[in-house]
Amino acid sequence: QVQLAESGGGLVQPGGSLRLSCAASGSIFSIHVMGWYRQAPGQQRELVATITSGGSTNYADSVKGRFTISRDNAKNTVYLQMNSLKPEDTAVYYCSANLVTSALYEYNGWGHGTQVTVSS
């Protein structure tokens, strides 16, 4: 039983900042990768950023230099610090995880999503 819970979304002005959090809970043995995806209405879900258990990160070109992904392994939590936000960042942001459960089965899942709206 694994759950992903996002938080931190909201309404922010262009140029502002938000910090998203995603906590993975349940019977977790180890986490391989956690990341963030986003989806705007009428658009495809796209990768925002990922971070591996070893700390390697990957970013979409559109957010590179503005967003920072980080983790707290002790809390099984991943964060997304979003700075210099633009209207085109408006989307539902989803947390994702690839991990191994305590029963040693692979889990791939998504959170429920958190809305980020960038508007003046």
Protein backbone atom coordinates (compact mmCIF):
# COMPACT_ATOMS: atom_id res chain seq x y z
CA GLN A 1 0.00 0.00 0.00
CA VAL A 2 1.70 3.15 -1.30
CA GLN A 3 0.26 6.62 -1.52
CA LEU A 4 1.57 9.85 -3.02
CA ALA A 5 0.27 13.13 -1.65
CA GLU A 6 1.02 16.46 -3.31
CA SER A 7 0.66 19.84 -1.69
CA GLY A 8 1.71 23.44 -2.20
CA GLY A 9 -0.16 24.48 -5.30
CA GLY A 10 -2.02 27.73 -5.58
CA LEU A 11 -2.41 31.04 -7.35
CA VAL A 12 0.67 33.18 -7.85
CA GLN A 13 1.60 36.25 -9.88
CA PRO A 14 4.04 36.04 -12.78
CA GLY A 15 7.56 36.16 -11.44
CA GLY A 16 6.49 34.67 -8.15
CA SER A 17 7.45 31.42 -6.48
CA LEU A 18 5.82 28.28 -5.17
CA ARG A 19 7.16 25.18 -3.48
CA LEU A 20 5.45 21.88 -4.13
CA SER A 21 5.82 18.86 -1.89
CA CYS A 22 5.08 15.19 -2.46
CA ALA A 23 5.23 12.66 0.33
CA ALA A 24 5.29 8.96 -0.42
CA SER A 25 3.88 6.82 2.33
CA GLY A 26 3.19 3.16 2.93
CA SER A 27 5.24 0.01 2.81
CA ILE A 28 8.27 1.34 0.98
CA PHE A 29 11.56 -0.50 0.77
CA SER A 30 13.42 1.90 -1.48
CA ILE A 31 12.72 4.66 -3.97
CA HIS A 32 14.35 4.64 -7.38
CA VAL A 33 12.99 7.84 -8.88
CA MET A 34 10.53 10.53 -7.92
CA GLY A 35 9.46 13.35 -10.13
CA TRP A 36 6.99 15.92 -11.25
CA TYR A 37 4.84 16.07 -14.36
CA ARG A 38 2.31 18.67 -15.37
CA GLN A 39 -0.71 18.86 -17.60
CA ALA A 40 -2.56 21.92 -18.81
CA PRO A 41 -6.12 21.71 -20.19
CA GLY A 42 -6.11 20.36 -23.72
CA GLN A 43 -2.43 19.53 -23.57
CA GLN A 44 -0.34 16.44 -23.06
CA ARG A 45 1.16 15.56 -19.73
CA GLU A 46 4.81 16.50 -19.79
CA LEU A 47 7.88 15.89 -17.69
CA VAL A 48 8.95 18.72 -15.42
CA ALA A 49 11.75 17.22 -13.34
CA THR A 50 12.95 13.96 -11.84
CA ILE A 51 15.41 12.97 -9.16
CA THR A 52 16.93 9.54 -8.59
CA SER A 53 17.89 7.84 -5.37
CA GLY A 54 21.47 8.84 -6.09
CA GLY A 55 20.55 12.48 -6.48
CA SER A 56 20.76 12.76 -10.26
CA THR A 57 18.31 15.30 -11.64
CA ASN A 58 16.65 15.86 -14.96
CA TYR A 59 14.70 18.93 -16.06
CA ALA A 60 12.57 19.95 -18.96
CA ASP A 61 14.26 22.66 -20.98
CA SER A 62 11.33 24.97 -20.33
CA VAL A 63 11.96 25.01 -16.58
CA LYS A 64 15.72 24.64 -16.41
CA GLY A 65 17.26 27.42 -14.37
CA ARG A 66 13.93 28.32 -12.77
CA PHE A 67 12.82 25.12 -11.04
CA THR A 68 14.77 22.99 -8.60
CA ILE A 69 13.87 19.46 -7.56
CA SER A 70 15.14 18.10 -4.27
CA ARG A 71 14.40 15.31 -1.84
CA ASP A 72 14.36 14.32 1.79
CA ASN A 73 15.01 10.61 1.81
CA ALA A 74 14.25 10.24 5.50
CA LYS A 75 10.73 11.53 4.84
CA ASN A 76 10.30 9.91 1.41
CA THR A 77 9.46 13.36 0.16
CA VAL A 78 10.31 15.22 -3.01
CA TYR A 79 10.06 18.98 -3.49
CA LEU A 80 9.80 21.27 -6.46
CA GLN A 81 10.90 24.84 -5.89
CA MET A 82 9.44 26.95 -8.67
CA ASN A 83 10.83 30.44 -9.18
CA SER A 84 10.26 33.08 -11.83
CA LEU A 85 6.92 31.55 -12.64
CA LYS A 86 5.32 32.28 -15.98
CA PRO A 87 1.70 32.02 -17.12
CA GLU A 88 2.68 29.06 -19.29
CA ASP A 89 3.60 27.18 -16.11
CA THR A 90 -0.10 27.02 -15.26
CA ALA A 91 -1.10 23.37 -15.02
CA VAL A 92 -2.00 20.55 -12.71
CA TYR A 93 1.23 19.20 -11.30
CA TYR A 94 1.45 15.49 -10.57
CA CYS A 95 3.92 13.69 -8.39
CA SER A 96 5.23 10.37 -9.65
CA ALA A 97 7.30 7.62 -8.11
CA ASN A 98 9.07 4.47 -9.11
CA LEU A 99 9.89 2.43 -6.04
CA VAL A 100 10.16 -0.98 -4.47
CA THR A 101 7.65 -1.98 -1.81
CA SER A 102 8.48 -3.81 1.38
CA ALA A 103 7.27 -6.96 -0.37
CA LEU A 104 9.94 -6.29 -3.02
CA TYR A 105 7.51 -5.48 -5.81
CA GLU A 106 7.96 -2.56 -8.15
CA TYR A 107 5.49 0.27 -7.83
CA ASN A 108 4.78 3.00 -10.35
CA GLY A 109 2.16 5.54 -9.44
CA TRP A 110 0.84 9.07 -9.46
CA GLY A 111 -0.55 11.47 -6.95
CA HIS A 112 -3.87 13.22 -7.29
CA GLY A 113 -2.34 16.43 -8.59
CA THR A 114 -2.14 19.99 -7.33
CA GLN A 115 -3.22 23.04 -9.31
CA VAL A 116 -0.70 25.77 -10.05
CA THR A 117 -2.07 28.94 -11.59
CA VAL A 118 0.19 31.80 -12.64
CA SER A 119 -1.80 34.90 -13.44
CA SER A 120 -1.81 38.62 -12.79
